[in-house]
Amino acid sequence: MNFLQTLIIQSNRVQFGSIEHILPIGLAILFCIGLIHFARKKLHVNQKYLVFKWLGICVSLTIVLFHVHKISLGAYTISKDLPLFLCSFLALIIPIFTTSRKYWMYEILLFWIIAGTLQGVITPDIAVGFPSLDYFRYWIVHLGLLTIIFYATFVLHMRPKFKSVIKSFLALQVYVATIMAVNYVLNSNYFYLNRKPESASALDYLGDYPYYLLVVELILIPFFLLIYLPFYLIGNKKKLTSK
């Protein structure tokens, strides 16, 4: 890639704090709050389940259609384009959760989605901005996953337990080990296990390779506990008021 091509890509990349960054987040917050309020007040149980199911299908279809389109263009590379980055992988499997509503999946996905997706929302890694297909794919997947997990929490009343933190952490280790093996075979960088993303991210503050991987491992449990804290405090408050 020559200097001019690099310059064009960087100029098209979505910048932190730009309208392309802030607007979809604002719209998603309004949509999520409105949907949760409507579902809690207006929908019967079966209707709530149906909406939940279709949320998962829509997010998953977005990632499937994006990959089908990219394959049709002949620009698909298995070392770069497989849906193995965490949020793409979650988008692919999320209909299993929204259809089955298995609690063990909620325990794992709550922490994966909030911890992983929020980082992608705050520091987006989008090479070509609006109105590219990749731009819409990125925001529908990331913000859609957050909407799904908030819907499960506030509409379907799913709640994590303390042991959910450990379950989610251990499940993530299995995922990381699997992706490390895939990266070794394909000489790829899925889940940014071999190098940091090109765009600015939280990983920039955690040192060079491989030290940032070690730092992430060390802060994962405290971060998951921080996510769990509001649930713990609310649960304790309910116990005290019920006495």
C-alpha atoms as a PDB file:
ATOM      1  CA  MET A   1       0.000   0.000   0.000  1.00  0.00           C
ATOM      2  CA  ASN A   2       1.517   3.328  -1.037  1.00  0.00           C
ATOM      3  CA  PHE A   3       1.399   6.584   0.901  1.00  0.00           C
ATOM      4  CA  LEU A   4      -1.553   7.995  -1.106  1.00  0.00           C
ATOM      5  CA  GLN A   5      -3.696   4.904  -0.493  1.00  0.00           C
ATOM      6  CA  THR A   6      -2.883   5.005   3.220  1.00  0.00           C
ATOM      7  CA  LEU A   7      -3.794   8.702   3.341  1.00  0.00           C
ATOM      8  CA  ILE A   8      -7.155   8.088   1.644  1.00  0.00           C
ATOM      9  CA  ILE A   9      -8.023   5.257   4.040  1.00  0.00           C
ATOM     10  CA  GLN A  10      -7.099   7.342   7.076  1.00  0.00           C
ATOM     11  CA  SER A  11      -9.150  10.307   5.838  1.00  0.00           C
ATOM     12  CA  ASN A  12     -12.222   8.097   5.329  1.00  0.00           C
ATOM     13  CA  ARG A  13     -11.872   6.392   8.735  1.00  0.00           C
ATOM     14  CA  VAL A  14     -14.523   7.348  11.289  1.00  0.00           C
ATOM     15  CA  GLN A  15     -12.975   9.742  13.778  1.00  0.00           C
ATOM     16  CA  PHE A  16     -13.598   9.743  17.510  1.00  0.00           C
ATOM     17  CA  GLY A  17     -16.137  12.410  18.488  1.00  0.00           C
ATOM     18  CA  SER A  18     -17.282  13.086  14.917  1.00  0.00           C
ATOM     19  CA  ILE A  19     -20.952  13.263  13.900  1.00  0.00           C
ATOM     20  CA  GLU A  20     -20.506   9.821  12.286  1.00  0.00           C
ATOM     21  CA  HIS A  21     -19.497   8.565  15.720  1.00  0.00           C
ATOM     22  CA  ILE A  22     -21.924  10.389  18.024  1.00  0.00           C
ATOM     23  CA  LEU A  23     -25.153  10.349  15.977  1.00  0.00           C
ATOM     24  CA  PRO A  24     -25.680   6.550  15.745  1.00  0.00           C
ATOM     25  CA  ILE A  25     -24.974   6.193  19.471  1.00  0.00           C
ATOM     26  CA  GLY A  26     -27.553   8.857  20.311  1.00  0.00           C
ATOM     27  CA  LEU A  27     -30.151   7.276  18.034  1.00  0.00           C
ATOM     28  CA  ALA A  28     -29.478   3.822  19.500  1.00  0.00           C
ATOM     29  CA  ILE A  29     -29.908   5.116  23.062  1.00  0.00           C
ATOM     30  CA  LEU A  30     -33.276   6.628  22.156  1.00  0.00           C
ATOM     31  CA  PHE A  31     -34.337   3.433  20.352  1.00  0.00           C
ATOM     32  CA  CYS A  32     -33.241   1.192  23.220  1.00  0.00           C
ATOM     33  CA  ILE A  33     -34.978   3.242  25.917  1.00  0.00           C
ATOM     34  CA  GLY A  34     -38.149   3.553  23.814  1.00  0.00           C
ATOM     35  CA  LEU A  35     -38.219  -0.157  22.974  1.00  0.00           C
ATOM     36  CA  ILE A  36     -37.703  -1.246  26.584  1.00  0.00           C
ATOM     37  CA  HIS A  37     -40.376   1.144  27.849  1.00  0.00           C
ATOM     38  CA  PHE A  38     -42.839   0.006  25.162  1.00  0.00           C
ATOM     39  CA  ALA A  39     -42.161  -3.696  25.760  1.00  0.00           C
ATOM     40  CA  ARG A  40     -42.532  -3.402  29.539  1.00  0.00           C
ATOM     41  CA  LYS A  41     -45.772  -1.416  29.359  1.00  0.00           C
ATOM     42  CA  LYS A  42     -47.563  -2.668  26.250  1.00  0.00           C
ATOM     43  CA  LEU A  43     -46.487  -6.202  25.349  1.00  0.00           C
ATOM     44  CA  HIS A  44     -47.625  -9.546  26.684  1.00  0.00           C
ATOM     45  CA  VAL A  45     -45.028 -12.189  27.574  1.00  0.00           C
ATOM     46  CA  ASN A  46     -45.142 -13.991  24.212  1.00  0.00           C
ATOM     47  CA  GLN A  47     -44.898 -10.675  22.366  1.00  0.00           C
ATOM     48  CA  LYS A  48     -41.849  -9.724  24.443  1.00  0.00           C
ATOM     49  CA  TYR A  49     -40.211 -13.015  23.482  1.00  0.00           C
ATOM     50  CA  LEU A  50     -41.049 -12.475  19.810  1.00  0.00           C
ATOM     51  CA  VAL A  51     -39.493  -8.992  19.766  1.00  0.00           C
ATOM     52  CA  PHE A  52     -36.408 -10.396  21.506  1.00  0.00           C
ATOM     53  CA  LYS A  53     -36.121 -13.172  18.923  1.00  0.00           C
ATOM     54  CA  TRP A  54     -36.346 -10.739  16.001  1.00  0.00           C
ATOM     55  CA  LEU A  55     -33.766  -8.416  17.508  1.00  0.00           C
ATOM     56  CA  GLY A  56     -31.303 -11.300  17.389  1.00  0.00           C
ATOM     57  CA  ILE A  57     -32.298 -12.280  13.859  1.00  0.00           C
ATOM     58  CA  CYS A  58     -31.898  -8.709  12.560  1.00  0.00           C
ATOM     59  CA  VAL A  59     -28.436  -8.303  14.091  1.00  0.00           C
ATOM     60  CA  SER A  60     -27.333 -11.699  12.782  1.00  0.00           C
ATOM     61  CA  LEU A  61     -28.730 -11.066   9.296  1.00  0.00           C
ATOM     62  CA  THR A  62     -26.733  -7.841   9.163  1.00  0.00           C
ATOM     63  CA  ILE A  63     -23.450  -9.682   9.651  1.00  0.00           C
ATOM     64  CA  VAL A  64     -24.420 -12.537   7.302  1.00  0.00           C
ATOM     65  CA  LEU A  65     -25.508 -10.213   4.467  1.00  0.00           C
ATOM     66  CA  PHE A  66     -22.374  -8.115   4.895  1.00  0.00           C
ATOM     67  CA  HIS A  67     -20.149 -11.165   4.463  1.00  0.00           C
ATOM     68  CA  VAL A  68     -22.187 -12.515   1.550  1.00  0.00           C
ATOM     69  CA  HIS A  69     -21.880  -9.129  -0.171  1.00  0.00           C
ATOM     70  CA  LYS A  70     -18.140  -9.001   0.416  1.00  0.00           C
ATOM     71  CA  ILE A  71     -17.705 -12.525  -0.946  1.00  0.00           C
ATOM     72  CA  SER A  72     -19.741 -11.568  -4.042  1.00  0.00           C
ATOM     73  CA  LEU A  73     -17.300  -8.730  -4.724  1.00  0.00           C
ATOM     74  CA  GLY A  74     -14.400 -11.170  -4.748  1.00  0.00           C
ATOM     75  CA  ALA A  75     -12.676  -9.198  -2.024  1.00  0.00           C
ATOM     76  CA  TYR A  76     -12.931 -11.774   0.749  1.00  0.00           C
ATOM     77  CA  THR A  77      -9.802 -12.917   2.582  1.00  0.00           C
ATOM     78  CA  ILE A  78     -10.054 -15.611   5.232  1.00  0.00           C
ATOM     79  CA  SER A  79      -7.097 -14.173   7.136  1.00  0.00           C
ATOM     80  CA  LYS A  80      -8.904 -10.836   7.598  1.00  0.00           C
ATOM     81  CA  ASP A  81     -12.621 -11.107   6.906  1.00  0.00           C
ATOM     82  CA  LEU A  82     -14.021 -14.098   8.804  1.00  0.00           C
ATOM     83  CA  PRO A  83     -16.554 -13.101  11.520  1.00  0.00           C
ATOM     84  CA  LEU A  84     -14.163 -14.022  14.318  1.00  0.00           C
ATOM     85  CA  PHE A  85     -13.683 -10.663  15.970  1.00  0.00           C
ATOM     86  CA  LEU A  86     -15.667 -10.839  19.189  1.00  0.00           C
ATOM     87  CA  CYS A  87     -18.598  -8.623  18.212  1.00  0.00           C
ATOM     88  CA  SER A  88     -18.965 -10.207  14.759  1.00  0.00           C
ATOM     89  CA  PHE A  89     -18.880 -13.663  16.322  1.00  0.00           C
ATOM     90  CA  LEU A  90     -21.474 -12.643  18.917  1.00  0.00           C
ATOM     91  CA  ALA A  91     -23.699 -11.191  16.184  1.00  0.00           C
ATOM     92  CA  LEU A  92     -23.511 -14.499  14.325  1.00  0.00           C
ATOM     93  CA  ILE A  93     -24.592 -16.622  17.306  1.00  0.00           C
ATOM     94  CA  ILE A  94     -26.920 -14.170  19.074  1.00  0.00           C
ATOM     95  CA  PRO A  95     -30.139 -15.693  17.591  1.00  0.00           C
ATOM     96  CA  ILE A  96     -29.386 -18.853  19.579  1.00  0.00           C
ATOM     97  CA  PHE A  97     -29.677 -16.805  22.747  1.00  0.00           C
ATOM     98  CA  THR A  98     -32.649 -14.683  21.701  1.00  0.00           C
ATOM     99  CA  THR A  99     -34.564 -17.779  20.588  1.00  0.00           C
ATOM    100  CA  SER A 100     -33.689 -20.136  23.457  1.00  0.00           C
ATOM    101  CA  ARG A 101     -33.287 -17.480  26.210  1.00  0.00           C
ATOM    102  CA  LYS A 102     -30.900 -19.816  28.032  1.00  0.00           C
ATOM    103  CA  TYR A 103     -29.762 -18.298  31.307  1.00  0.00           C
ATOM    104  CA  TRP A 104     -26.212 -19.678  31.048  1.00  0.00           C
ATOM    105  CA  MET A 105     -25.825 -17.807  27.771  1.00  0.00           C
ATOM    106  CA  TYR A 106     -27.013 -14.598  29.420  1.00  0.00           C
ATOM    107  CA  GLU A 107     -24.407 -15.068  32.161  1.00  0.00           C
ATOM    108  CA  ILE A 108     -21.638 -15.217  29.599  1.00  0.00           C
ATOM    109  CA  LEU A 109     -22.928 -12.728  27.032  1.00  0.00           C
ATOM    110  CA  LEU A 110     -23.736  -9.938  29.501  1.00  0.00           C
ATOM    111  CA  PHE A 111     -20.068  -9.411  30.355  1.00  0.00           C
ATOM    112  CA  TRP A 112     -18.724 -10.144  26.861  1.00  0.00           C
ATOM    113  CA  ILE A 113     -21.100  -7.690  25.229  1.00  0.00           C
ATOM    114  CA  ILE A 114     -20.802  -4.846  27.713  1.00  0.00           C
ATOM    115  CA  ALA A 115     -17.024  -5.107  28.117  1.00  0.00           C
ATOM    116  CA  GLY A 116     -16.208  -5.807  24.464  1.00  0.00           C
ATOM    117  CA  THR A 117     -18.859  -3.858  22.626  1.00  0.00           C
ATOM    118  CA  LEU A 118     -18.558  -0.694  24.693  1.00  0.00           C
ATOM    119  CA  GLN A 119     -14.893  -0.438  23.760  1.00  0.00           C
ATOM    120  CA  GLY A 120     -15.893  -0.674  20.098  1.00  0.00           C
ATOM    121  CA  VAL A 121     -18.599   1.955  20.555  1.00  0.00           C
ATOM    122  CA  ILE A 122     -16.329   4.417  22.352  1.00  0.00           C
ATOM    123  CA  THR A 123     -13.401   3.965  19.946  1.00  0.00           C
ATOM    124  CA  PRO A 124     -14.878   2.764  16.615  1.00  0.00           C
ATOM    125  CA  ASP A 125     -12.653   0.892  14.165  1.00  0.00           C
ATOM    126  CA  ILE A 126     -14.426   1.724  10.867  1.00  0.00           C
ATOM    127  CA  ALA A 127     -12.154   2.150   7.846  1.00  0.00           C
ATOM    128  CA  VAL A 128     -14.785   3.817   5.623  1.00  0.00           C
ATOM    129  CA  GLY A 129     -17.463   6.027   7.138  1.00  0.00           C
ATOM    130  CA  PHE A 130     -21.024   6.938   6.167  1.00  0.00           C
ATOM    131  CA  PRO A 131     -22.709   5.791   3.962  1.00  0.00           C
ATOM    132  CA  SER A 132     -20.609   2.640   3.435  1.00  0.00           C
ATOM    133  CA  LEU A 133     -22.075  -0.802   4.093  1.00  0.00           C
ATOM    134  CA  ASP A 134     -19.313  -1.427   6.632  1.00  0.00           C
ATOM    135  CA  TYR A 135     -20.395   1.690   8.537  1.00  0.00           C
ATOM    136  CA  PHE A 136     -23.979   0.452   8.919  1.00  0.00           C
ATOM    137  CA  ARG A 137     -22.819  -3.104   9.654  1.00  0.00           C
ATOM    138  CA  TYR A 138     -20.548  -1.871  12.430  1.00  0.00           C
ATOM    139  CA  TRP A 139     -23.142   0.199  14.259  1.00  0.00           C
ATOM    140  CA  ILE A 140     -26.057  -2.216  13.834  1.00  0.00           C
ATOM    141  CA  VAL A 141     -23.945  -5.043  15.239  1.00  0.00           C
ATOM    142  CA  HIS A 142     -22.347  -3.187  18.157  1.00  0.00           C
ATOM    143  CA  LEU A 143     -25.356  -1.140  19.225  1.00  0.00           C
ATOM    144  CA  GLY A 144     -27.750  -3.995  18.428  1.00  0.00           C
ATOM    145  CA  LEU A 145     -25.881  -6.359  20.767  1.00  0.00           C
ATOM    146  CA  LEU A 146     -26.087  -3.802  23.571  1.00  0.00           C
ATOM    147  CA  THR A 147     -29.811  -3.337  22.931  1.00  0.00           C
ATOM    148  CA  ILE A 148     -30.335  -7.103  23.127  1.00  0.00           C
ATOM    149  CA  ILE A 149     -28.518  -7.524  26.436  1.00  0.00           C
ATOM    150  CA  PHE A 150     -30.313  -4.512  27.964  1.00  0.00           C
ATOM    151  CA  TYR A 151     -33.639  -5.901  26.722  1.00  0.00           C
ATOM    152  CA  ALA A 152     -32.870  -9.255  28.357  1.00  0.00           C
ATOM    153  CA  THR A 153     -32.032  -7.461  31.589  1.00  0.00           C
ATOM    154  CA  PHE A 154     -34.836  -4.893  31.842  1.00  0.00           C
ATOM    155  CA  VAL A 155     -37.674  -6.571  29.930  1.00  0.00           C
ATOM    156  CA  LEU A 156     -37.062 -10.288  30.509  1.00  0.00           C
ATOM    157  CA  HIS A 157     -35.691  -9.641  34.023  1.00  0.00           C
ATOM    158  CA  MET A 158     -32.554 -11.738  33.643  1.00  0.00           C
ATOM    159  CA  ARG A 159     -29.892 -10.980  36.247  1.00  0.00           C
ATOM    160  CA  PRO A 160     -26.293 -12.203  36.675  1.00  0.00           C
ATOM    161  CA  LYS A 161     -24.973 -13.852  39.825  1.00  0.00           C
ATOM    162  CA  PHE A 162     -21.503 -13.535  41.290  1.00  0.00           C
ATOM    163  CA  LYS A 163     -20.521 -16.887  39.770  1.00  0.00           C
ATOM    164  CA  SER A 164     -21.575 -15.482  36.378  1.00  0.00           C
ATOM    165  CA  VAL A 165     -18.422 -13.342  36.457  1.00  0.00           C
ATOM    166  CA  ILE A 166     -16.246 -16.447  36.728  1.00  0.00           C
ATOM    167  CA  LYS A 167     -18.247 -18.360  34.105  1.00  0.00           C
ATOM    168  CA  SER A 168     -17.940 -15.509  31.621  1.00  0.00           C
ATOM    169  CA  PHE A 169     -14.212 -15.094  32.265  1.00  0.00           C
ATOM    170  CA  LEU A 170     -13.488 -18.816  31.805  1.00  0.00           C
ATOM    171  CA  ALA A 171     -15.611 -18.989  28.653  1.00  0.00           C
ATOM    172  CA  LEU A 172     -13.645 -16.049  27.258  1.00  0.00           C
ATOM    173  CA  GLN A 173     -10.373 -17.900  27.878  1.00  0.00           C
ATOM    174  CA  VAL A 174     -11.673 -20.777  25.755  1.00  0.00           C
ATOM    175  CA  TYR A 175     -12.630 -18.336  22.986  1.00  0.00           C
ATOM    176  CA  VAL A 176      -9.231 -16.599  23.142  1.00  0.00           C
ATOM    177  CA  ALA A 177      -7.352 -19.910  23.013  1.00  0.00           C
ATOM    178  CA  THR A 178      -9.397 -20.979  19.995  1.00  0.00           C
ATOM    179  CA  ILE A 179      -8.774 -17.700  18.166  1.00  0.00           C
ATOM    180  CA  MET A 180      -5.057 -17.874  18.962  1.00  0.00           C
ATOM    181  CA  ALA A 181      -4.965 -21.252  17.227  1.00  0.00           C
ATOM    182  CA  VAL A 182      -6.883 -19.841  14.242  1.00  0.00           C
ATOM    183  CA  ASN A 183      -4.496 -16.880  14.052  1.00  0.00           C
ATOM    184  CA  TYR A 184      -1.523 -19.219  14.071  1.00  0.00           C
ATOM    185  CA  VAL A 185      -2.919 -21.332  11.228  1.00  0.00           C
ATOM    186  CA  LEU A 186      -4.135 -18.402   9.092  1.00  0.00           C
ATOM    187  CA  ASN A 187      -1.410 -15.897  10.036  1.00  0.00           C
ATOM    188  CA  SER A 188      -4.261 -13.552  10.976  1.00  0.00           C
ATOM    189  CA  ASN A 189      -4.996 -11.033  13.729  1.00  0.00           C
ATOM    190  CA  TYR A 190      -8.513 -11.877  14.848  1.00  0.00           C
ATOM    191  CA  PHE A 191      -9.501 -10.391  18.212  1.00  0.00           C
ATOM    192  CA  TYR A 192      -6.323  -8.246  17.934  1.00  0.00           C
ATOM    193  CA  LEU A 193      -4.285 -10.993  19.596  1.00  0.00           C
ATOM    194  CA  ASN A 194      -1.177 -10.371  17.476  1.00  0.00           C
ATOM    195  CA  ARG A 195      -1.263  -6.589  17.111  1.00  0.00           C
ATOM    196  CA  LYS A 196      -3.446  -3.610  17.985  1.00  0.00           C
ATOM    197  CA  PRO A 197      -6.147  -2.193  15.662  1.00  0.00           C
ATOM    198  CA  GLU A 198      -5.146   0.582  13.278  1.00  0.00           C
ATOM    199  CA  SER A 199      -7.574   3.049  14.851  1.00  0.00           C
ATOM    200  CA  ALA A 200      -7.176   4.508  18.323  1.00  0.00           C
ATOM    201  CA  SER A 201      -8.376   2.190  21.062  1.00  0.00           C
ATOM    202  CA  ALA A 202      -8.053   1.510  24.776  1.00  0.00           C
ATOM    203  CA  LEU A 203      -5.291  -0.978  23.917  1.00  0.00           C
ATOM    204  CA  ASP A 204      -3.027   1.960  23.035  1.00  0.00           C
ATOM    205  CA  TYR A 205      -2.673   2.680  26.755  1.00  0.00           C
ATOM    206  CA  LEU A 206      -1.783  -0.882  27.751  1.00  0.00           C
ATOM    207  CA  GLY A 207       1.701  -1.236  26.286  1.00  0.00           C
ATOM    208  CA  ASP A 208       3.144  -2.986  23.240  1.00  0.00           C
ATOM    209  CA  TYR A 209       2.630  -6.592  22.135  1.00  0.00           C
ATOM    210  CA  PRO A 210       2.471  -8.953  23.994  1.00  0.00           C
ATOM    211  CA  TYR A 211       2.214  -6.882  27.179  1.00  0.00           C
ATOM    212  CA  TYR A 212      -1.188  -5.411  26.353  1.00  0.00           C
ATOM    213  CA  LEU A 213      -2.600  -8.957  26.258  1.00  0.00           C
ATOM    214  CA  LEU A 214      -1.299  -9.633  29.757  1.00  0.00           C
ATOM    215  CA  VAL A 215      -2.692  -6.343  31.046  1.00  0.00           C
ATOM    216  CA  VAL A 216      -6.113  -7.109  29.548  1.00  0.00           C
ATOM    217  CA  GLU A 217      -6.092 -10.504  31.267  1.00  0.00           C
ATOM    218  CA  LEU A 218      -5.266  -8.844  34.586  1.00  0.00           C
ATOM    219  CA  ILE A 219      -8.010  -6.216  34.362  1.00  0.00           C
ATOM    220  CA  LEU A 220     -10.760  -8.480  32.984  1.00  0.00           C
ATOM    221  CA  ILE A 221     -11.964  -9.816  36.334  1.00  0.00           C
ATOM    222  CA  PRO A 222     -12.021  -6.340  37.976  1.00  0.00           C
ATOM    223  CA  PHE A 223     -13.822  -4.982  34.901  1.00  0.00           C
ATOM    224  CA  PHE A 224     -16.385  -7.796  34.994  1.00  0.00           C
ATOM    225  CA  LEU A 225     -16.860  -7.185  38.725  1.00  0.00           C
ATOM    226  CA  LEU A 226     -17.466  -3.516  37.982  1.00  0.00           C
ATOM    227  CA  ILE A 227     -20.195  -4.521  35.519  1.00  0.00           C
ATOM    228  CA  TYR A 228     -21.672  -6.842  38.161  1.00  0.00           C
ATOM    229  CA  LEU A 229     -21.553  -4.193  40.933  1.00  0.00           C
ATOM    230  CA  PRO A 230     -24.875  -2.423  40.101  1.00  0.00           C
ATOM    231  CA  PHE A 231     -26.681  -5.780  40.092  1.00  0.00           C
ATOM    232  CA  TYR A 232     -25.131  -6.664  43.459  1.00  0.00           C
ATOM    233  CA  LEU A 233     -26.035  -3.316  45.022  1.00  0.00           C
ATOM    234  CA  ILE A 234     -29.627  -3.399  43.726  1.00  0.00           C
ATOM    235  CA  GLY A 235     -30.007  -6.998  44.894  1.00  0.00           C
ATOM    236  CA  ASN A 236     -28.715  -6.120  48.363  1.00  0.00           C
ATOM    237  CA  LYS A 237     -31.046  -3.130  48.570  1.00  0.00           C
ATOM    238  CA  LYS A 238     -34.057  -5.301  47.728  1.00  0.00           C
ATOM    239  CA  LYS A 239     -33.068  -7.809  50.404  1.00  0.00           C
ATOM    240  CA  LEU A 240     -32.807  -5.057  53.021  1.00  0.00           C
ATOM    241  CA  THR A 241     -36.166  -3.493  52.105  1.00  0.00           C
ATOM    242  CA  SER A 242     -37.917  -6.871  52.156  1.00  0.00           C
ATOM    243  CA  LYS A 243     -36.845  -7.565  55.752  1.00  0.00           C
END
